[in-house]
């Protein structure tokens, strides 16, 4: 599935609810899911990781929809490698 298709699907599924919830609360849900992803990373449980990555991606798409941001367009920033040095892999000093 393309990023844009995923974002549009999330919009059709949740945008009305997200608008009622509002930007601050939707952002709070994203942050909560990031915390759950953090716990899954520490535990190393592959099933939990898969689920939490999906949830973070979904809440990010919902937040982008509320802000009228096209994530596929945003991802283009990295289409040619590192946005600072332009290299793949990145050759910026660490």
Protein backbone atom coordinates (compact mmCIF):
# COMPACT_ATOMS: atom_id res chain seq x y z
CA UNK A 1 0.00 0.00 0.00
CA UNK A 2 1.29 3.46 -0.89
CA UNK A 3 1.62 6.04 1.88
CA UNK A 4 -1.00 8.26 0.24
CA UNK A 5 -3.47 5.36 -0.06
CA UNK A 6 -2.97 4.51 3.62
CA UNK A 7 -3.49 8.13 4.66
CA UNK A 8 -6.64 8.42 2.55
CA UNK A 9 -7.99 5.18 4.04
CA UNK A 10 -7.39 6.51 7.55
CA UNK A 11 -9.13 9.74 6.55
CA UNK A 12 -12.21 7.92 5.30
CA UNK A 13 -12.23 5.76 8.41
CA UNK A 14 -11.43 8.24 11.20
CA UNK A 15 -11.29 11.88 10.00
CA UNK A 16 -14.74 12.88 11.30
CA UNK A 17 -13.92 11.38 14.70
CA UNK A 18 -10.45 12.98 14.68
CA UNK A 19 -11.97 16.39 13.93
CA UNK A 20 -14.36 16.04 16.86
CA UNK A 21 -11.45 14.97 19.12
CA UNK A 22 -9.31 17.86 17.89
CA UNK A 23 -5.64 18.35 17.21
CA UNK A 24 -4.30 18.38 20.80
CA UNK A 25 -6.08 15.14 21.76
CA UNK A 26 -5.13 13.40 18.52
CA UNK A 27 -1.51 14.39 19.11
CA UNK A 28 -1.80 13.03 22.66
CA UNK A 29 -2.94 9.67 21.24
CA UNK A 30 0.10 9.62 18.94
CA UNK A 31 2.38 10.32 21.90
CA UNK A 32 0.69 7.55 23.91
CA UNK A 33 1.25 5.11 21.04
CA UNK A 34 4.91 6.17 20.90
CA UNK A 35 5.16 5.21 24.58
CA UNK A 36 3.66 1.82 23.80
CA UNK A 37 6.14 1.40 20.95
CA UNK A 38 8.94 2.25 23.37
CA UNK A 39 7.81 -0.51 25.72
CA UNK A 40 7.56 -2.97 22.82
CA UNK A 41 11.10 -2.08 21.72
CA UNK A 42 12.41 -2.73 25.22
CA UNK A 43 10.58 -6.06 25.46
CA UNK A 44 11.64 -7.19 21.99
CA UNK A 45 8.26 -8.90 21.48
CA UNK A 46 7.92 -9.08 17.69
CA UNK A 47 4.10 -9.22 17.71
CA UNK A 48 3.89 -6.16 19.96
CA UNK A 49 6.41 -4.32 17.79
CA UNK A 50 4.37 -5.01 14.66
CA UNK A 51 1.18 -3.81 16.35
CA UNK A 52 2.71 -0.68 17.85
CA UNK A 53 4.46 0.38 14.64
CA UNK A 54 1.08 0.08 12.89
CA UNK A 55 -0.62 2.15 15.59
CA UNK A 56 2.03 4.88 15.47
CA UNK A 57 1.77 5.04 11.69
CA UNK A 58 -2.03 5.24 11.88
CA UNK A 59 -2.06 8.04 14.46
CA UNK A 60 0.61 9.94 12.50
CA UNK A 61 -1.59 9.70 9.40
CA UNK A 62 -4.60 10.90 11.40
CA UNK A 63 -2.64 13.87 12.70
CA UNK A 64 -1.39 14.69 9.20
CA UNK A 65 -4.98 14.57 7.92
CA UNK A 66 -6.05 17.07 10.56
CA UNK A 67 -3.19 19.36 9.49
CA UNK A 68 -3.90 18.83 5.77
CA UNK A 69 -0.40 17.41 5.24
CA UNK A 70 0.23 14.83 2.51
CA UNK A 71 2.63 12.33 4.10
CA UNK A 72 3.69 10.94 0.74
CA UNK A 73 4.74 14.42 -0.33
CA UNK A 74 6.47 14.96 3.02
CA UNK A 75 8.36 11.68 2.64
CA UNK A 76 9.79 13.06 -0.60
CA UNK A 77 12.22 15.02 1.55
CA UNK A 78 14.18 11.74 1.84
CA UNK A 79 13.62 10.52 -1.74
CA UNK A 80 17.25 11.08 -2.73
CA UNK A 81 18.92 10.06 0.51
CA UNK A 82 20.05 12.27 3.34
CA UNK A 83 18.44 15.69 2.92
CA UNK A 84 21.60 17.41 4.22
CA UNK A 85 24.39 15.66 2.32
CA UNK A 86 22.35 13.94 -0.41
CA UNK A 87 24.18 10.65 0.08
CA UNK A 88 22.99 7.07 0.50
CA UNK A 89 24.16 6.07 3.05
CA UNK A 90 24.39 9.39 4.86
CA UNK A 91 27.92 10.75 4.97
CA UNK A 92 27.26 13.64 7.37
CA UNK A 93 29.68 13.80 10.30
CA UNK A 94 28.17 12.24 13.41
